[in-house]
């Protein structure tokens, strides 16, 4: 399948790419070859192959989820740059115009 120059320019515009004349010509050839290869793959009979999201076996390597005591609040807050009443204090991410700056 041969892509037209207009096809390449349209894809470049969608991707917000500014392409030079040489890049448009080169990409026209390269993208056409990619689509040709996809067309070859589409001719394969895959009816007997089950859909697969992951081709390698997955195994969980995490530790067991075991309940245990948490750290004391003082130890957790020991290295906090700012704290207030036993909580982490952070700057507002989306402060309004009438909110106080910390």
Protein backbone atom coordinates (compact mmCIF):
# COMPACT_ATOMS: atom_id res chain seq x y z
CA UNK A 1 0.00 0.00 0.00
CA UNK A 2 1.57 3.24 -1.14
CA UNK A 3 0.87 6.25 1.08
CA UNK A 4 0.34 9.58 -0.60
CA UNK A 5 2.14 12.73 0.37
CA UNK A 6 -1.16 14.03 1.75
CA UNK A 7 -1.46 10.96 4.01
CA UNK A 8 1.97 11.61 5.50
CA UNK A 9 1.23 15.31 5.96
CA UNK A 10 -2.09 14.45 7.64
CA UNK A 11 -0.43 12.01 10.08
CA UNK A 12 2.31 14.56 10.78
CA UNK A 13 -0.31 17.21 11.51
CA UNK A 14 -2.16 14.85 13.88
CA UNK A 15 1.12 14.15 15.69
CA UNK A 16 1.98 17.86 15.63
CA UNK A 17 5.22 17.20 13.77
CA UNK A 18 6.87 19.76 11.57
CA UNK A 19 8.52 17.82 8.75
CA UNK A 20 10.94 18.98 6.09
CA UNK A 21 10.48 18.06 2.45
CA UNK A 22 13.12 15.33 2.75
CA UNK A 23 11.48 13.88 5.85
CA UNK A 24 8.09 13.75 4.15
CA UNK A 25 9.54 11.83 1.19
CA UNK A 26 11.51 9.47 3.45
CA UNK A 27 8.55 8.83 5.75
CA UNK A 28 6.26 8.26 2.78
CA UNK A 29 8.52 5.35 1.73
CA UNK A 30 9.10 4.03 5.26
CA UNK A 31 5.45 4.15 6.34
CA UNK A 32 4.41 2.51 3.07
CA UNK A 33 6.83 -0.36 3.73
CA UNK A 34 5.48 -0.76 7.27
CA UNK A 35 1.92 -0.97 5.97
CA UNK A 36 3.04 -3.52 3.38
CA UNK A 37 4.48 -5.69 6.16
CA UNK A 38 1.25 -5.39 8.14
CA UNK A 39 -0.67 -6.51 5.06
CA UNK A 40 1.53 -9.63 4.90
CA UNK A 41 0.76 -10.40 8.55
CA UNK A 42 -2.97 -9.91 7.96
CA UNK A 43 -2.92 -12.79 5.45
CA UNK A 44 -1.88 -15.26 8.15
CA UNK A 45 -4.54 -17.64 9.44
CA UNK A 46 -4.76 -16.98 13.17
CA UNK A 47 -8.17 -18.57 13.77
CA UNK A 48 -6.68 -21.37 15.88
CA UNK A 49 -4.49 -19.07 17.99
CA UNK A 50 -6.15 -17.79 21.18
CA UNK A 51 -5.98 -14.07 21.91
CA UNK A 52 -3.06 -13.29 24.18
CA UNK A 53 -2.37 -10.20 26.25
CA UNK A 54 0.90 -11.53 27.67
CA UNK A 55 3.14 -13.95 25.81
CA UNK A 56 5.38 -14.85 28.72
CA UNK A 57 4.30 -16.47 31.95
CA UNK A 58 3.83 -14.07 34.83
CA UNK A 59 4.63 -14.91 38.41
CA UNK A 60 4.12 -12.86 41.51
CA UNK A 61 7.45 -12.23 43.21
CA UNK A 62 6.07 -10.11 46.03
CA UNK A 63 6.24 -11.13 49.64
CA UNK A 64 3.22 -12.47 51.43
CA UNK A 65 0.84 -9.82 52.71
CA UNK A 66 1.31 -10.20 56.44
CA UNK A 67 -0.21 -7.84 58.97
CA UNK A 68 2.33 -6.13 61.19
CA UNK A 69 2.52 -3.14 63.49
CA UNK A 70 3.11 0.23 61.87
CA UNK A 71 5.86 2.64 62.83
CA UNK A 72 5.20 5.10 65.66
CA UNK A 73 3.94 8.46 64.41
CA UNK A 74 6.96 10.30 65.88
CA UNK A 75 9.37 8.07 63.93
CA UNK A 76 7.42 8.53 60.69
CA UNK A 77 7.39 12.31 61.05
CA UNK A 78 11.00 12.57 62.27
CA UNK A 79 12.41 13.52 58.86
CA UNK A 80 9.39 15.44 57.58
CA UNK A 81 10.42 18.95 56.51
CA UNK A 82 7.10 20.30 57.83
CA UNK A 83 4.47 18.83 60.11
CA UNK A 84 1.43 20.07 61.93
CA UNK A 85 -0.55 18.38 64.72
CA UNK A 86 0.96 14.96 63.94
CA UNK A 87 0.41 15.15 60.17
CA UNK A 88 2.60 15.91 57.16
CA UNK A 89 2.17 19.51 56.07
CA UNK A 90 2.47 20.22 52.34
CA UNK A 91 2.06 23.25 50.11
CA UNK A 92 -1.27 23.50 48.31
CA UNK A 93 -0.92 22.14 44.79
CA UNK A 94 -3.74 24.17 43.29
CA UNK A 95 -4.07 27.22 45.49
CA UNK A 96 -6.77 29.71 44.59
CA UNK A 97 -6.14 33.46 44.38
CA UNK A 98 -7.70 34.06 47.79
CA UNK A 99 -5.86 31.23 49.60
CA UNK A 100 -2.89 31.82 51.84
CA UNK A 101 0.57 30.91 50.63
CA UNK A 102 2.52 28.69 53.02
